[in-house]
Amino acid sequence: MTMKVFLHTRSPEHRDWLNEKREFARIPVVGEHVAISSDGPWFKVELVVHTPFPCEFDAEVYAVAVDHLQVLNEALDG
């Protein structure tokens, strides 16, 4: 079963939100990173709004683009 997520992403410098319908195996958690393509940026999840009422989505997720190499270095060297 997939979870329907209304994903809001933006660059770290601007409030240029891109809003997309996405399906995930589970709802992302604050602090996790998501990638929506194999050659695109990674996004750090900043806010999750669960929607346990009748609507099109299981949650809304707000995430900000990050440098994936910096994330990897911090995780693996720390």
C-alpha atoms as a PDB file:
ATOM      1  CA  MET A   1       0.000   0.000   0.000  1.00  0.00           C
ATOM      2  CA  THR A   2       1.327   3.440  -0.845  1.00  0.00           C
ATOM      3  CA  MET A   3       0.767   6.652   1.037  1.00  0.00           C
ATOM      4  CA  LYS A   4      -0.440   9.670  -0.910  1.00  0.00           C
ATOM      5  CA  VAL A   5       1.555  12.758   0.006  1.00  0.00           C
ATOM      6  CA  PHE A   6       1.159  16.361  -1.048  1.00  0.00           C
ATOM      7  CA  LEU A   7       4.850  17.274  -1.197  1.00  0.00           C
ATOM      8  CA  HIS A   8       5.954  20.906  -0.900  1.00  0.00           C
ATOM      9  CA  THR A   9       9.631  21.476  -1.764  1.00  0.00           C
ATOM     10  CA  ARG A  10      11.766  24.580  -2.117  1.00  0.00           C
ATOM     11  CA  SER A  11      15.346  25.751  -2.475  1.00  0.00           C
ATOM     12  CA  PRO A  12      17.097  26.860   0.727  1.00  0.00           C
ATOM     13  CA  GLU A  13      17.490  30.439  -0.511  1.00  0.00           C
ATOM     14  CA  HIS A  14      13.958  31.173  -1.680  1.00  0.00           C
ATOM     15  CA  ARG A  15      10.336  30.521  -0.832  1.00  0.00           C
ATOM     16  CA  ASP A  16       9.775  29.138  -4.329  1.00  0.00           C
ATOM     17  CA  TRP A  17       7.566  26.239  -3.241  1.00  0.00           C
ATOM     18  CA  LEU A  18       6.910  23.489  -5.769  1.00  0.00           C
ATOM     19  CA  ASN A  19       3.782  21.507  -4.890  1.00  0.00           C
ATOM     20  CA  GLU A  20       3.401  17.951  -6.177  1.00  0.00           C
ATOM     21  CA  LYS A  21       1.311  14.864  -5.627  1.00  0.00           C
ATOM     22  CA  ARG A  22       3.628  11.966  -4.724  1.00  0.00           C
ATOM     23  CA  GLU A  23       3.286   8.415  -3.490  1.00  0.00           C
ATOM     24  CA  PHE A  24       5.620   6.949  -0.861  1.00  0.00           C
ATOM     25  CA  ALA A  25       5.868   3.526   0.777  1.00  0.00           C
ATOM     26  CA  ARG A  26       5.338   5.394   4.058  1.00  0.00           C
ATOM     27  CA  ILE A  27       4.966   8.991   5.159  1.00  0.00           C
ATOM     28  CA  PRO A  28       8.373  10.682   5.545  1.00  0.00           C
ATOM     29  CA  VAL A  29       9.373  11.802   9.047  1.00  0.00           C
ATOM     30  CA  VAL A  30      10.782  15.186  10.118  1.00  0.00           C
ATOM     31  CA  GLY A  31      14.570  15.090   9.810  1.00  0.00           C
ATOM     32  CA  GLU A  32      14.628  12.460   7.079  1.00  0.00           C
ATOM     33  CA  HIS A  33      15.764  13.154   3.539  1.00  0.00           C
ATOM     34  CA  VAL A  34      13.804  12.397   0.386  1.00  0.00           C
ATOM     35  CA  ALA A  35      14.756  12.395  -3.280  1.00  0.00           C
ATOM     36  CA  ILE A  36      12.087  12.638  -5.937  1.00  0.00           C
ATOM     37  CA  SER A  37      14.338  11.666  -8.839  1.00  0.00           C
ATOM     38  CA  SER A  38      17.620   9.837  -9.324  1.00  0.00           C
ATOM     39  CA  ASP A  39      19.367  12.928 -10.672  1.00  0.00           C
ATOM     40  CA  GLY A  40      17.686  15.679  -8.678  1.00  0.00           C
ATOM     41  CA  PRO A  41      18.349  17.280  -5.310  1.00  0.00           C
ATOM     42  CA  TRP A  42      17.732  15.740  -1.913  1.00  0.00           C
ATOM     43  CA  PHE A  43      15.260  17.432   0.408  1.00  0.00           C
ATOM     44  CA  LYS A  44      15.259  17.489   4.207  1.00  0.00           C
ATOM     45  CA  VAL A  45      11.798  17.050   5.697  1.00  0.00           C
ATOM     46  CA  GLU A  46      11.020  20.041   7.936  1.00  0.00           C
ATOM     47  CA  LEU A  47       7.299  19.583   8.649  1.00  0.00           C
ATOM     48  CA  VAL A  48       4.733  16.807   8.309  1.00  0.00           C
ATOM     49  CA  VAL A  49       1.011  17.461   8.581  1.00  0.00           C
ATOM     50  CA  HIS A  50      -0.994  14.251   8.878  1.00  0.00           C
ATOM     51  CA  THR A  51      -4.485  14.436   7.408  1.00  0.00           C
ATOM     52  CA  PRO A  52      -6.591  11.711   9.089  1.00  0.00           C
ATOM     53  CA  PHE A  53      -9.820  12.997   7.598  1.00  0.00           C
ATOM     54  CA  PRO A  54     -11.458  12.404   4.230  1.00  0.00           C
ATOM     55  CA  CYS A  55      -9.277  14.089   1.618  1.00  0.00           C
ATOM     56  CA  GLU A  56      -7.027  13.212  -1.296  1.00  0.00           C
ATOM     57  CA  PHE A  57      -3.813  12.845   0.755  1.00  0.00           C
ATOM     58  CA  ASP A  58      -2.578  10.967   3.809  1.00  0.00           C
ATOM     59  CA  ALA A  59      -0.215  13.832   4.702  1.00  0.00           C
ATOM     60  CA  GLU A  60       1.355  17.078   3.579  1.00  0.00           C
ATOM     61  CA  VAL A  61       5.151  17.186   3.729  1.00  0.00           C
ATOM     62  CA  TYR A  62       7.286  20.335   3.589  1.00  0.00           C
ATOM     63  CA  ALA A  63      10.953  19.871   2.663  1.00  0.00           C
ATOM     64  CA  VAL A  64      13.951  22.051   1.783  1.00  0.00           C
ATOM     65  CA  ALA A  65      16.694  21.176  -0.727  1.00  0.00           C
ATOM     66  CA  VAL A  66      20.068  20.215   0.745  1.00  0.00           C
ATOM     67  CA  ASP A  67      23.521  19.390  -0.577  1.00  0.00           C
ATOM     68  CA  HIS A  68      23.474  15.591  -0.604  1.00  0.00           C
ATOM     69  CA  LEU A  69      27.278  15.365  -0.456  1.00  0.00           C
ATOM     70  CA  GLN A  70      27.326  17.458   2.715  1.00  0.00           C
ATOM     71  CA  VAL A  71      24.597  15.269   4.224  1.00  0.00           C
ATOM     72  CA  LEU A  72      26.572  12.121   3.382  1.00  0.00           C
ATOM     73  CA  ASN A  73      29.819  13.561   4.768  1.00  0.00           C
ATOM     74  CA  GLU A  74      28.164  14.611   8.039  1.00  0.00           C
ATOM     75  CA  ALA A  75      26.464  11.243   8.448  1.00  0.00           C
ATOM     76  CA  LEU A  76      29.456   9.096   7.565  1.00  0.00           C
ATOM     77  CA  ASP A  77      32.252  11.160   9.138  1.00  0.00           C
ATOM     78  CA  GLY A  78      30.381  12.129  12.307  1.00  0.00           C
END
